[in-house]
Amino acid sequence: MSFMDPTHSQTPRGWRKIFYVNWPLVLLITAVACFGFLMLYSVAGGDISRWAQPQITRFSVGMVVMFIVAFTPLTFWRSVSLLAYVVGLALLLFVLFFGSVGMGAQRWIDLGFFQLQPSELMKIALVMALALYYDWLPPEKVSHFGFVLIPLAMIVIPAMMVVRQPDLGTAILLVASGGVVMFLAGVSYWYFIAAFSAGVGAVTAVFMSRGASWQLLNNYQYKRIDTFLDPSLDPLGAGYHITQSKIALGSGGLSGRGFMQGPQSQLNFLPEKQTDFIFTTLAEEFGYVGTTFLLILYSLIMIFAISAAIKNKNRFGALLIGGVAATFFFYFALNMSMVMGLAPVVGVPLPLVSYGGSAMLVLLGGFGLIQSAHIHRPK
């Protein structure tokens, strides 16, 4: 069964599509990216060519990609959703055997001019495939056990492949975003209660088994947990990142120390300051005011995306928007939780702000899908 097809309704054609673009969303995305350029210029000590200039180039290319995706009919993206998922799985499998190794992880495919990270592509491909599945599935079968197992497998298979790289942060994002699509599709909340209960039970069992004959983790893994809960146990080792991050966060105060005046970032105490920990640089230099402003921008992006999903009468389009918006939300929520010590350091960038190529291009492509669903929605 298929739900309403946009081709059966009046949708804009040709150059008229430009009037149907969600321009406030475009402006908000650009504003956040400009915030990122500013911070990358700062952490490079005023050198625009080191990180800011390449990021500006990537963002420019990504915006072109976003508009190309946006102006492409949603029916096309629906037709290639399954193919995108299969290609994503194939690329993840390729990475496991032939991927480039960096910082102790095997996550990239070296294309010479660009380091492709297939796990980033899978975040969007998974959302597309799940949206297609629930667009095809009759509503009365959504919560049937057999039909719940299929999307679970679609989520778990790539997540386990990503964990092998290892990349726990991306695996968490895949599971969380996939779960949101299932929830939005109408899967019974009892399944989610069961999953949450199983997760709580697993965590409890891990802690209770410590020191017992049936201990579930190795001692070094328990040490990592201890360091996460109390970084002061190993301030120069495993707890160094989060300790320096908290110092930078706290030193910013209300209005910050000033642009390019943060000692933690400018004196290189802060690790990975251009990628995973760039939020702490922002907090140190612009304080509570700066971080709140960024959160407001993120929140407005989410509001516009959710509004577009609610108004969309096409089931595939609505689920696609909801899934991409959820991916975006978990991106910044997990990154901010990580640098504040509320979650383990799992290597998740701050969207549109952290330095990086694959994440930037894929995320802007995802926003292009949101725009495509918005532009070509049934009128």
Protein backbone atom coordinates (compact mmCIF):
# COMPACT_ATOMS: atom_id res chain seq x y z
CA MET A 1 0.00 0.00 0.00
CA SER A 2 1.26 3.52 -0.79
CA PHE A 3 0.02 6.70 0.75
CA MET A 4 -0.69 9.88 -1.19
CA ASP A 5 1.80 10.42 -4.02
CA PRO A 6 2.87 14.05 -4.53
CA THR A 7 2.58 13.59 -8.30
CA HIS A 8 -1.18 13.36 -7.84
CA SER A 9 -1.35 16.85 -6.35
CA GLN A 10 -0.42 20.24 -7.66
CA THR A 11 3.23 20.93 -6.93
CA PRO A 12 5.41 23.80 -8.16
CA ARG A 13 7.37 23.29 -11.36
CA GLY A 14 10.50 24.81 -12.83
CA TRP A 15 11.75 28.12 -11.49
CA ARG A 16 8.59 28.61 -9.42
CA LYS A 17 10.01 26.17 -6.87
CA ILE A 18 12.23 28.94 -5.53
CA PHE A 19 9.14 30.63 -4.03
CA TYR A 20 8.29 27.48 -2.05
CA VAL A 21 11.69 27.14 -0.39
CA ASN A 22 11.61 27.46 3.39
CA TRP A 23 13.86 30.53 3.37
CA PRO A 24 13.85 31.13 7.16
CA LEU A 25 15.35 27.64 7.55
CA VAL A 26 18.04 28.49 4.98
CA LEU A 27 18.91 31.70 6.83
CA LEU A 28 19.10 29.92 10.18
CA ILE A 29 21.41 27.24 8.77
CA THR A 30 23.64 29.96 7.30
CA ALA A 31 23.71 31.84 10.61
CA VAL A 32 24.86 28.75 12.52
CA ALA A 33 27.53 28.02 9.89
CA CYS A 34 28.83 31.61 10.14
CA PHE A 35 29.11 31.10 13.90
CA GLY A 36 31.27 28.07 13.09
CA PHE A 37 33.50 30.03 10.70
CA LEU A 38 34.07 32.61 13.42
CA MET A 39 35.07 29.99 15.99
CA LEU A 40 37.36 28.14 13.58
CA TYR A 41 39.10 31.43 12.82
CA SER A 42 39.53 31.96 16.56
CA VAL A 43 40.93 28.52 17.44
CA ALA A 44 43.43 28.84 14.59
CA GLY A 45 44.81 31.97 16.23
CA GLY A 46 43.53 34.30 13.52
CA ASP A 47 44.65 32.13 10.60
CA ILE A 48 41.69 31.91 8.21
CA SER A 49 43.41 29.46 5.85
CA ARG A 50 43.89 26.71 8.44
CA TRP A 51 40.31 25.70 9.23
CA ALA A 52 37.87 28.51 8.47
CA GLN A 53 38.56 28.85 4.74
CA PRO A 54 38.24 25.11 3.96
CA GLN A 55 35.04 25.04 6.02
CA ILE A 56 33.62 28.00 4.08
CA THR A 57 34.38 26.17 0.84
CA ARG A 58 32.69 23.00 2.07
CA PHE A 59 29.67 24.94 3.24
CA SER A 60 29.37 26.66 -0.14
CA VAL A 61 29.51 23.30 -1.93
CA GLY A 62 27.06 21.88 0.59
CA MET A 63 24.57 24.70 -0.02
CA VAL A 64 24.68 23.97 -3.76
CA VAL A 65 24.04 20.31 -2.96
CA MET A 66 21.17 21.30 -0.65
CA PHE A 67 19.39 23.30 -3.35
CA ILE A 68 19.93 20.58 -5.97
CA VAL A 69 18.40 18.04 -3.60
CA ALA A 70 15.62 20.48 -2.66
CA PHE A 71 14.54 21.14 -6.25
CA THR A 72 14.58 17.43 -7.14
CA PRO A 73 11.05 15.94 -6.86
CA LEU A 74 10.37 14.02 -3.67
CA THR A 75 9.15 11.07 -5.76
CA PHE A 76 12.72 10.63 -7.00
CA TRP A 77 14.14 10.49 -3.47
CA ARG A 78 11.42 8.03 -2.52
CA SER A 79 12.37 5.79 -5.45
CA VAL A 80 16.08 5.70 -4.56
CA SER A 81 15.67 5.34 -0.77
CA LEU A 82 16.22 1.59 -0.70
CA LEU A 83 19.17 1.90 -3.09
CA ALA A 84 20.73 4.57 -0.86
CA TYR A 85 20.44 2.23 2.13
CA VAL A 86 22.01 -0.71 0.27
CA VAL A 87 24.85 1.47 -1.03
CA GLY A 88 25.40 2.75 2.51
CA LEU A 89 25.71 -0.80 3.82
CA ALA A 90 28.12 -1.70 1.02
CA LEU A 91 30.32 1.31 1.84
CA LEU A 92 30.32 0.41 5.56
CA LEU A 93 31.37 -3.12 4.66
CA PHE A 94 34.12 -1.75 2.42
CA VAL A 95 35.41 0.42 5.28
CA LEU A 96 35.67 -2.60 7.60
CA PHE A 97 38.16 -4.25 5.23
CA PHE A 98 39.80 -1.47 3.23
CA GLY A 99 39.08 1.78 5.08
CA SER A 100 41.68 4.38 6.01
CA VAL A 101 42.82 4.41 9.62
CA GLY A 102 43.08 7.61 11.62
CA MET A 103 43.24 8.33 15.37
CA GLY A 104 42.88 4.63 16.12
CA ALA A 105 39.68 4.21 14.09
CA GLN A 106 38.95 2.80 10.64
CA ARG A 107 36.10 5.02 9.43
CA TRP A 108 37.08 6.63 6.13
CA ILE A 109 37.48 5.88 2.43
CA ASP A 110 40.37 7.82 0.92
CA LEU A 111 39.24 9.31 -2.39
CA GLY A 112 42.43 11.30 -2.81
CA PHE A 113 40.82 14.73 -2.78
CA PHE A 114 38.38 13.89 -0.01
CA GLN A 115 38.05 11.56 2.98
CA LEU A 116 34.59 10.00 2.74
CA GLN A 117 33.00 8.76 5.97
CA PRO A 118 30.25 6.28 4.97
CA SER A 119 28.73 6.26 8.46
CA GLU A 120 27.69 9.88 7.89
CA LEU A 121 25.90 8.90 4.67
CA MET A 122 24.16 6.05 6.49
CA LYS A 123 22.53 8.48 8.95
CA ILE A 124 20.44 9.96 6.14
CA ALA A 125 20.11 6.75 4.10
CA LEU A 126 18.65 4.94 7.12
CA VAL A 127 16.04 7.65 7.65
CA MET A 128 15.10 7.51 3.94
CA ALA A 129 14.74 3.72 4.00
CA LEU A 130 12.64 3.69 7.17
CA ALA A 131 10.39 6.45 5.81
CA LEU A 132 9.90 4.38 2.65
CA TYR A 133 9.13 1.25 4.66
CA TYR A 134 6.45 2.93 6.76
CA ASP A 135 5.02 4.69 3.72
CA TRP A 136 4.54 1.24 2.16
CA LEU A 137 3.27 -0.49 5.33
CA PRO A 138 -0.47 -0.23 6.09
CA PRO A 139 -1.06 1.65 9.37
CA GLU A 140 -2.85 -1.30 10.99
CA LYS A 141 0.31 -3.43 10.67
CA VAL A 142 2.78 -0.90 12.05
CA SER A 143 2.85 -2.42 15.55
CA HIS A 144 2.65 -6.09 14.56
CA PHE A 145 5.69 -7.88 15.97
CA GLY A 146 6.89 -9.26 12.64
CA PHE A 147 6.71 -5.86 10.97
CA VAL A 148 8.60 -4.29 13.90
CA LEU A 149 11.49 -6.72 13.51
CA ILE A 150 12.23 -5.55 9.96
CA PRO A 151 13.00 -1.89 10.82
CA LEU A 152 14.86 -3.05 13.93
CA ALA A 153 17.14 -5.12 11.73
CA MET A 154 17.54 -2.16 9.36
CA ILE A 155 18.77 -0.09 12.31
CA VAL A 156 20.86 -2.67 14.17
CA ILE A 157 22.87 -3.96 11.17
CA PRO A 158 24.52 -0.64 10.22
CA ALA A 159 24.83 0.35 13.90
CA MET A 160 26.84 -2.80 14.67
CA MET A 161 29.02 -2.23 11.61
CA VAL A 162 29.75 1.31 12.81
CA VAL A 163 30.55 0.09 16.34
CA ARG A 164 33.22 -2.16 14.80
CA GLN A 165 35.08 0.86 13.35
CA PRO A 166 34.88 1.85 16.31
CA ASP A 167 32.50 4.83 16.33
CA LEU A 168 30.11 4.60 19.26
CA GLY A 169 28.80 8.15 18.79
CA THR A 170 27.55 7.58 15.25
CA ALA A 171 26.10 4.20 16.25
CA ILE A 172 24.10 5.94 19.00
CA LEU A 173 22.85 8.50 16.48
CA LEU A 174 21.74 5.76 14.08
CA VAL A 175 19.79 3.94 16.78
CA ALA A 176 18.25 7.12 18.18
CA SER A 177 17.20 8.56 14.80
CA GLY A 178 15.84 5.22 13.63
CA GLY A 179 13.87 4.92 16.85
CA VAL A 180 12.35 8.36 16.30
CA VAL A 181 11.16 7.41 12.80
CA MET A 182 9.55 4.25 14.23
CA PHE A 183 7.86 6.32 16.94
CA LEU A 184 6.57 8.90 14.45
CA ALA A 185 5.28 6.09 12.24
CA GLY A 186 3.01 4.98 15.07
CA VAL A 187 4.79 1.95 16.52
CA SER A 188 3.26 1.10 19.90
CA TYR A 189 4.95 2.85 22.80
CA TRP A 190 5.10 -0.50 24.64
CA TYR A 191 7.98 -1.49 22.39
CA PHE A 192 9.88 1.61 23.47
CA ILE A 193 9.11 0.97 27.13
CA ALA A 194 10.42 -2.57 26.71
CA ALA A 195 13.58 -1.32 24.99
CA PHE A 196 14.18 1.29 27.69
CA SER A 197 13.64 -1.29 30.43
CA ALA A 198 16.06 -3.67 28.74
CA GLY A 199 18.66 -0.89 28.53
CA VAL A 200 18.28 -0.05 32.22
CA GLY A 201 18.52 -3.74 33.08
CA ALA A 202 21.69 -4.15 31.02
CA VAL A 203 23.37 -1.16 32.68
CA THR A 204 22.37 -2.44 36.13
CA ALA A 205 23.75 -5.88 35.33
CA VAL A 206 27.07 -4.36 34.19
CA PHE A 207 27.53 -2.53 37.50
CA MET A 208 26.33 -5.44 39.65
CA SER A 209 28.68 -7.90 37.95
CA ARG A 210 31.81 -5.92 38.84
CA GLY A 211 34.14 -8.10 40.89
CA ALA A 212 31.86 -11.12 40.57
CA SER A 213 32.68 -14.39 38.84
CA TRP A 214 30.31 -13.41 36.04
CA GLN A 215 31.80 -9.94 35.47
CA LEU A 216 30.48 -8.62 32.12
CA LEU A 217 33.24 -6.12 31.28
CA ASN A 218 37.01 -6.10 31.50
CA ASN A 219 38.66 -4.17 34.31
CA TYR A 220 40.00 -1.49 31.95
CA GLN A 221 36.46 -0.89 30.70
CA TYR A 222 35.24 -0.37 34.26
CA LYS A 223 38.13 2.05 34.73
CA ARG A 224 36.84 4.07 31.77
CA ILE A 225 33.41 4.20 33.39
CA ASP A 226 34.96 5.37 36.67
CA THR A 227 36.88 8.10 34.83
CA PHE A 228 33.72 9.25 33.06
CA LEU A 229 31.86 9.51 36.36
CA ASP A 230 34.85 11.19 38.05
CA PRO A 231 37.47 12.61 35.62
CA SER A 232 39.69 13.64 38.56
CA LEU A 233 40.66 9.98 39.00
CA ASP A 234 42.90 10.30 35.93
CA PRO A 235 43.25 14.03 35.20
CA LEU A 236 46.28 13.65 32.91
CA GLY A 237 45.06 10.55 31.12
CA ALA A 238 41.54 9.42 30.26
CA GLY A 239 40.01 12.31 32.20
CA TYR A 240 42.13 15.04 30.58
CA HIS A 241 39.71 15.95 27.76
CA ILE A 242 36.66 16.45 29.91
CA THR A 243 38.62 18.16 32.72
CA GLN A 244 39.98 20.81 30.35
CA SER A 245 36.56 21.13 28.74
CA LYS A 246 34.89 21.86 32.07
CA ILE A 247 37.55 24.45 32.92
CA ALA A 248 36.89 26.23 29.62
CA LEU A 249 33.12 26.07 30.09
CA GLY A 250 33.29 27.49 33.59
CA SER A 251 35.80 30.22 32.85
CA GLY A 252 33.53 31.83 30.25
CA GLY A 253 31.08 33.08 32.82
CA LEU A 254 28.15 35.21 31.68
CA SER A 255 29.61 37.06 28.69
CA GLY A 256 32.89 35.23 28.09
CA ARG A 257 36.54 36.27 28.01
CA GLY A 258 36.26 37.86 24.57
CA PHE A 259 36.87 36.82 20.99
CA MET A 260 40.23 35.00 20.66
CA GLN A 261 40.90 35.61 24.36
CA GLY A 262 40.18 32.13 25.78
CA PRO A 263 43.33 30.75 27.44
CA GLN A 264 42.21 27.11 27.30
CA SER A 265 41.72 27.16 23.53
CA GLN A 266 44.35 29.75 22.53
CA LEU A 267 47.10 28.09 24.62
CA ASN A 268 46.18 24.61 23.34
CA PHE A 269 45.07 23.15 26.66
CA LEU A 270 41.79 22.18 25.03
CA PRO A 271 42.04 19.04 22.85
CA GLU A 272 40.23 18.68 19.50
CA LYS A 273 39.21 22.33 19.83
CA GLN A 274 38.29 22.62 16.13
CA THR A 275 36.07 19.53 16.05
CA ASP A 276 34.42 17.75 18.97
CA PHE A 277 35.19 20.40 21.63
CA ILE A 278 34.50 23.57 19.68
CA PHE A 279 31.44 24.26 21.85
CA THR A 280 33.72 24.77 24.86
CA THR A 281 35.73 27.34 22.90
CA LEU A 282 32.48 29.18 22.18
CA ALA A 283 31.53 29.04 25.87
CA GLU A 284 34.94 30.28 26.98
CA GLU A 285 35.02 33.25 24.59
CA PHE A 286 31.33 34.26 24.52
CA GLY A 287 30.08 32.76 27.78
CA TYR A 288 26.49 31.97 28.65
CA VAL A 289 25.21 34.63 26.24
CA GLY A 290 26.99 33.10 23.24
CA THR A 291 26.02 29.50 23.98
CA THR A 292 22.40 30.53 24.57
CA PHE A 293 22.33 32.35 21.24
CA LEU A 294 23.58 29.21 19.45
CA LEU A 295 20.98 27.09 21.25
CA ILE A 296 18.26 29.51 20.14
CA LEU A 297 19.39 29.13 16.52
CA TYR A 298 19.37 25.34 16.85
CA SER A 299 15.94 25.43 18.48
CA LEU A 300 14.51 27.61 15.70
CA ILE A 301 15.84 25.18 13.09
CA MET A 302 14.07 22.36 14.92
CA ILE A 303 10.84 24.37 15.18
CA PHE A 304 10.76 25.11 11.44
CA ALA A 305 11.56 21.48 10.60
CA ILE A 306 8.91 20.06 12.94
CA SER A 307 6.37 22.55 11.62
CA ALA A 308 7.15 21.43 8.06
CA ALA A 309 6.66 17.78 9.08
CA ILE A 310 3.32 18.47 10.76
CA LYS A 311 1.97 20.36 7.75
CA ASN A 312 3.11 17.75 5.24
CA LYS A 313 0.25 15.53 4.04
CA ASN A 314 2.58 13.02 2.38
CA ARG A 315 3.51 10.24 4.80
CA PHE A 316 6.94 9.60 3.30
CA GLY A 317 7.73 13.32 3.29
CA ALA A 318 6.57 13.85 6.86
CA LEU A 319 8.58 10.88 8.20
CA LEU A 320 11.61 11.97 6.18
CA ILE A 321 11.52 15.48 7.65
CA GLY A 322 11.01 14.10 11.17
CA GLY A 323 13.89 11.65 10.83
CA VAL A 324 16.37 14.20 9.47
CA ALA A 325 15.33 16.71 12.14
CA ALA A 326 15.85 14.05 14.82
CA THR A 327 19.33 13.29 13.44
CA PHE A 328 20.19 16.98 13.62
CA PHE A 329 18.85 17.23 17.19
CA PHE A 330 20.81 14.22 18.45
CA TYR A 331 23.94 15.65 16.81
CA PHE A 332 24.05 18.81 18.90
CA ALA A 333 22.42 17.32 22.02
CA LEU A 334 24.99 14.53 22.25
CA ASN A 335 27.92 16.83 21.49
CA MET A 336 26.91 19.35 24.14
CA SER A 337 26.23 16.61 26.69
CA MET A 338 29.62 15.10 25.91
CA VAL A 339 31.67 18.27 26.42
CA MET A 340 29.79 19.07 29.65
CA GLY A 341 30.54 15.65 31.10
CA LEU A 342 26.93 14.47 30.96
CA ALA A 343 27.74 11.77 28.40
CA PRO A 344 30.88 9.81 27.51
CA VAL A 345 33.28 11.35 25.00
CA VAL A 346 32.22 9.50 21.84
CA GLY A 347 33.44 11.80 19.06
CA VAL A 348 30.30 13.52 17.77
CA PRO A 349 30.84 16.91 16.05
CA LEU A 350 28.75 20.01 16.69
CA PRO A 351 26.58 20.30 13.54
CA LEU A 352 27.43 23.10 11.10
CA VAL A 353 30.04 24.43 13.55
CA SER A 354 32.75 21.76 13.99
CA TYR A 355 35.43 21.40 11.33
CA GLY A 356 34.75 18.50 8.99
CA GLY A 357 33.76 17.59 5.46
CA SER A 358 31.54 14.49 5.38
CA ALA A 359 29.35 15.60 8.29
CA MET A 360 28.83 19.08 6.80
CA LEU A 361 27.95 17.87 3.28
CA VAL A 362 25.68 15.04 4.44
CA LEU A 363 23.84 17.26 6.91
CA LEU A 364 23.21 19.92 4.26
CA GLY A 365 22.04 17.16 1.93
CA GLY A 366 19.64 16.12 4.68
CA PHE A 367 18.30 19.66 4.92
CA GLY A 368 17.89 19.50 1.14
CA LEU A 369 15.60 16.50 1.64
CA ILE A 370 13.59 18.51 4.17
CA GLN A 371 13.27 21.30 1.61
CA SER A 372 12.31 18.82 -1.14
CA ALA A 373 9.54 17.39 1.04
CA HIS A 374 8.41 20.95 1.85
CA ILE A 375 8.50 22.22 -1.74
CA HIS A 376 6.80 19.20 -3.29
CA ARG A 377 4.25 18.59 -0.54
CA PRO A 378 0.64 18.04 -1.64
CA LYS A 379 -1.24 21.32 -1.80
